[in-house]
Amino acid sequence: MGFDRKSILDKINKLLALSNSPNANEAKSVAKQASDLIQK
């Protein structure tokens, strides 16, 4: 799977925006996904 840097950064930004969700479970889930992508 070849993702370019811009698409990865776009995905991270979208996930971080969703991490402000009032739904605590959703916010926690997307924050973890963003963190996992950042660590890759």
PDB file of N, CA and C in Angstrom:
ATOM      1  N   MET A   1       0.842  -1.170   0.000  1.00  0.00           N
ATOM      2  CA  MET A   1       0.000   0.000   0.000  1.00  0.00           C
ATOM      3  C   MET A   1       0.887   1.231   0.000  1.00  0.00           C
ATOM      4  N   GLY A   2       0.857   2.007  -1.054  1.00  0.00           N
ATOM      5  CA  GLY A   2       1.718   3.165  -1.138  1.00  0.00           C
ATOM      6  C   GLY A   2       0.969   4.466  -0.938  1.00  0.00           C
ATOM      7  N   PHE A   3       0.985   4.964   0.266  1.00  0.00           N
ATOM      8  CA  PHE A   3       0.366   6.252   0.550  1.00  0.00           C
ATOM      9  C   PHE A   3       1.422   7.327   0.477  1.00  0.00           C
ATOM     10  N   ASP A   4       1.075   8.450  -0.116  1.00  0.00           N
ATOM     11  CA  ASP A   4       2.032   9.546  -0.111  1.00  0.00           C
ATOM     12  C   ASP A   4       1.882  10.344   1.176  1.00  0.00           C
ATOM     13  N   ARG A   5       2.889  11.138   1.462  1.00  0.00           N
ATOM     14  CA  ARG A   5       2.946  11.890   2.719  1.00  0.00           C
ATOM     15  C   ARG A   5       1.734  12.809   2.895  1.00  0.00           C
ATOM     16  N   LYS A   6       1.313  13.462   1.813  1.00  0.00           N
ATOM     17  CA  LYS A   6       0.185  14.395   1.907  1.00  0.00           C
ATOM     18  C   LYS A   6      -1.101  13.676   2.295  1.00  0.00           C
ATOM     19  N   SER A   7      -1.358  12.532   1.705  1.00  0.00           N
ATOM     20  CA  SER A   7      -2.600  11.820   2.032  1.00  0.00           C
ATOM     21  C   SER A   7      -2.581  11.323   3.478  1.00  0.00           C
ATOM     22  N   ILE A   8      -1.410  10.937   3.965  1.00  0.00           N
ATOM     23  CA  ILE A   8      -1.303  10.503   5.359  1.00  0.00           C
ATOM     24  C   ILE A   8      -1.554  11.685   6.292  1.00  0.00           C
ATOM     25  N   LEU A   9      -0.957  12.839   5.978  1.00  0.00           N
ATOM     26  CA  LEU A   9      -1.164  14.030   6.808  1.00  0.00           C
ATOM     27  C   LEU A   9      -2.622  14.474   6.779  1.00  0.00           C
ATOM     28  N   ASP A  10      -3.257  14.386   5.614  1.00  0.00           N
ATOM     29  CA  ASP A  10      -4.684  14.726   5.511  1.00  0.00           C
ATOM     30  C   ASP A  10      -5.521  13.810   6.407  1.00  0.00           C
ATOM     31  N   LYS A  11      -5.212  12.524   6.371  1.00  0.00           N
ATOM     32  CA  LYS A  11      -5.943  11.554   7.195  1.00  0.00           C
ATOM     33  C   LYS A  11      -5.747  11.859   8.680  1.00  0.00           C
ATOM     34  N   ILE A  12      -4.499  12.146   9.076  1.00  0.00           N
ATOM     35  CA  ILE A  12      -4.213  12.475  10.475  1.00  0.00           C
ATOM     36  C   ILE A  12      -4.996  13.716  10.894  1.00  0.00           C
ATOM     37  N   ASN A  13      -5.001  14.740  10.045  1.00  0.00           N
ATOM     38  CA  ASN A  13      -5.733  15.973  10.368  1.00  0.00           C
ATOM     39  C   ASN A  13      -7.229  15.712  10.530  1.00  0.00           C
ATOM     40  N   LYS A  14      -7.796  14.883   9.671  1.00  0.00           N
ATOM     41  CA  LYS A  14      -9.220  14.551   9.781  1.00  0.00           C
ATOM     42  C   LYS A  14      -9.504  13.783  11.069  1.00  0.00           C
ATOM     43  N   LEU A  15      -8.614  12.845  11.398  1.00  0.00           N
ATOM     44  CA  LEU A  15      -8.796  12.084  12.631  1.00  0.00           C
ATOM     45  C   LEU A  15      -8.696  12.986  13.856  1.00  0.00           C
ATOM     46  N   LEU A  16      -7.729  13.908  13.831  1.00  0.00           N
ATOM     47  CA  LEU A  16      -7.580  14.821  14.962  1.00  0.00           C
ATOM     48  C   LEU A  16      -8.802  15.724  15.106  1.00  0.00           C
ATOM     49  N   ALA A  17      -9.388  16.130  13.993  1.00  0.00           N
ATOM     50  CA  ALA A  17     -10.605  16.939  14.050  1.00  0.00           C
ATOM     51  C   ALA A  17     -11.742  16.127  14.673  1.00  0.00           C
ATOM     52  N   LEU A  18     -11.845  14.862  14.304  1.00  0.00           N
ATOM     53  CA  LEU A  18     -12.889  14.000  14.868  1.00  0.00           C
ATOM     54  C   LEU A  18     -12.646  13.698  16.344  1.00  0.00           C
ATOM     55  N   SER A  19     -11.399  13.823  16.785  1.00  0.00           N
ATOM     56  CA  SER A  19     -11.097  13.513  18.190  1.00  0.00           C
ATOM     57  C   SER A  19     -11.742  14.521  19.140  1.00  0.00           C
ATOM     58  N   ASN A  20     -12.276  15.616  18.596  1.00  0.00           N
ATOM     59  CA  ASN A  20     -12.999  16.593  19.412  1.00  0.00           C
ATOM     60  C   ASN A  20     -14.486  16.270  19.512  1.00  0.00           C
ATOM     61  N   SER A  21     -14.855  15.091  19.060  1.00  0.00           N
ATOM     62  CA  SER A  21     -16.253  14.663  19.084  1.00  0.00           C
ATOM     63  C   SER A  21     -16.791  14.629  20.512  1.00  0.00           C
ATOM     64  N   PRO A  22     -18.050  15.015  20.686  1.00  0.00           N
ATOM     65  CA  PRO A  22     -18.659  14.906  22.017  1.00  0.00           C
ATOM     66  C   PRO A  22     -18.856  13.445  22.450  1.00  0.00           C
ATOM     67  N   ASN A  23     -18.817  12.536  21.498  1.00  0.00           N
ATOM     68  CA  ASN A  23     -18.925  11.110  21.806  1.00  0.00           C
ATOM     69  C   ASN A  23     -17.559  10.626  22.304  1.00  0.00           C
ATOM     70  N   ALA A  24     -17.449  10.317  23.575  1.00  0.00           N
ATOM     71  CA  ALA A  24     -16.166   9.969  24.191  1.00  0.00           C
ATOM     72  C   ALA A  24     -15.522   8.742  23.552  1.00  0.00           C
ATOM     73  N   ASN A  25     -16.323   7.732  23.227  1.00  0.00           N
ATOM     74  CA  ASN A  25     -15.763   6.524  22.620  1.00  0.00           C
ATOM     75  C   ASN A  25     -15.190   6.815  21.241  1.00  0.00           C
ATOM     76  N   GLU A  26     -15.919   7.593  20.453  1.00  0.00           N
ATOM     77  CA  GLU A  26     -15.437   7.955  19.119  1.00  0.00           C
ATOM     78  C   GLU A  26     -14.170   8.799  19.224  1.00  0.00           C
ATOM     79  N   ALA A  27     -14.168   9.759  20.117  1.00  0.00           N
ATOM     80  CA  ALA A  27     -13.009  10.634  20.285  1.00  0.00           C
ATOM     81  C   ALA A  27     -11.773   9.826  20.665  1.00  0.00           C
ATOM     82  N   LYS A  28     -11.934   8.898  21.582  1.00  0.00           N
ATOM     83  CA  LYS A  28     -10.803   8.071  22.019  1.00  0.00           C
ATOM     84  C   LYS A  28     -10.304   7.191  20.873  1.00  0.00           C
ATOM     85  N   SER A  29     -11.222   6.619  20.133  1.00  0.00           N
ATOM     86  CA  SER A  29     -10.871   5.732  19.030  1.00  0.00           C
ATOM     87  C   SER A  29     -10.096   6.463  17.934  1.00  0.00           C
ATOM     88  N   VAL A  30     -10.593   7.616  17.522  1.00  0.00           N
ATOM     89  CA  VAL A  30      -9.913   8.331  16.437  1.00  0.00           C
ATOM     90  C   VAL A  30      -8.602   8.940  16.915  1.00  0.00           C
ATOM     91  N   ALA A  31      -8.511   9.319  18.181  1.00  0.00           N
ATOM     92  CA  ALA A  31      -7.246   9.832  18.715  1.00  0.00           C
ATOM     93  C   ALA A  31      -6.188   8.731  18.673  1.00  0.00           C
ATOM     94  N   LYS A  32      -6.577   7.500  18.989  1.00  0.00           N
ATOM     95  CA  LYS A  32      -5.640   6.370  18.928  1.00  0.00           C
ATOM     96  C   LYS A  32      -5.219   6.103  17.491  1.00  0.00           C
ATOM     97  N   GLN A  33      -6.169   6.155  16.563  1.00  0.00           N
ATOM     98  CA  GLN A  33      -5.833   5.936  15.151  1.00  0.00           C
ATOM     99  C   GLN A  33      -4.834   6.981  14.666  1.00  0.00           C
ATOM    100  N   ALA A  34      -5.060   8.234  15.026  1.00  0.00           N
ATOM    101  CA  ALA A  34      -4.146   9.308  14.632  1.00  0.00           C
ATOM    102  C   ALA A  34      -2.774   9.075  15.240  1.00  0.00           C
ATOM    103  N   SER A  35      -2.738   8.706  16.499  1.00  0.00           N
ATOM    104  CA  SER A  35      -1.469   8.440  17.177  1.00  0.00           C
ATOM    105  C   SER A  35      -0.716   7.300  16.496  1.00  0.00           C
ATOM    106  N   ASP A  36      -1.439   6.246  16.145  1.00  0.00           N
ATOM    107  CA  ASP A  36      -0.813   5.109  15.465  1.00  0.00           C
ATOM    108  C   ASP A  36      -0.220   5.524  14.124  1.00  0.00           C
ATOM    109  N   LEU A  37      -0.938   6.349  13.371  1.00  0.00           N
ATOM    110  CA  LEU A  37      -0.425   6.817  12.079  1.00  0.00           C
ATOM    111  C   LEU A  37       0.806   7.702  12.255  1.00  0.00           C
ATOM    112  N   ILE A  38       0.784   8.551  13.266  1.00  0.00           N
ATOM    113  CA  ILE A  38       1.913   9.445  13.514  1.00  0.00           C
ATOM    114  C   ILE A  38       3.160   8.633  13.850  1.00  0.00           C
ATOM    115  N   GLN A  39       2.987   7.554  14.591  1.00  0.00           N
ATOM    116  CA  GLN A  39       4.126   6.738  15.003  1.00  0.00           C
ATOM    117  C   GLN A  39       4.716   5.931  13.858  1.00  0.00           C
ATOM    118  N   LYS A  40       3.961   5.711  12.794  1.00  0.00           N
ATOM    119  CA  LYS A  40       4.473   4.956  11.640  1.00  0.00           C
ATOM    120  C   LYS A  40       5.442   5.776  10.920  1.00  0.00           C
TER     121      LYS A  40
END
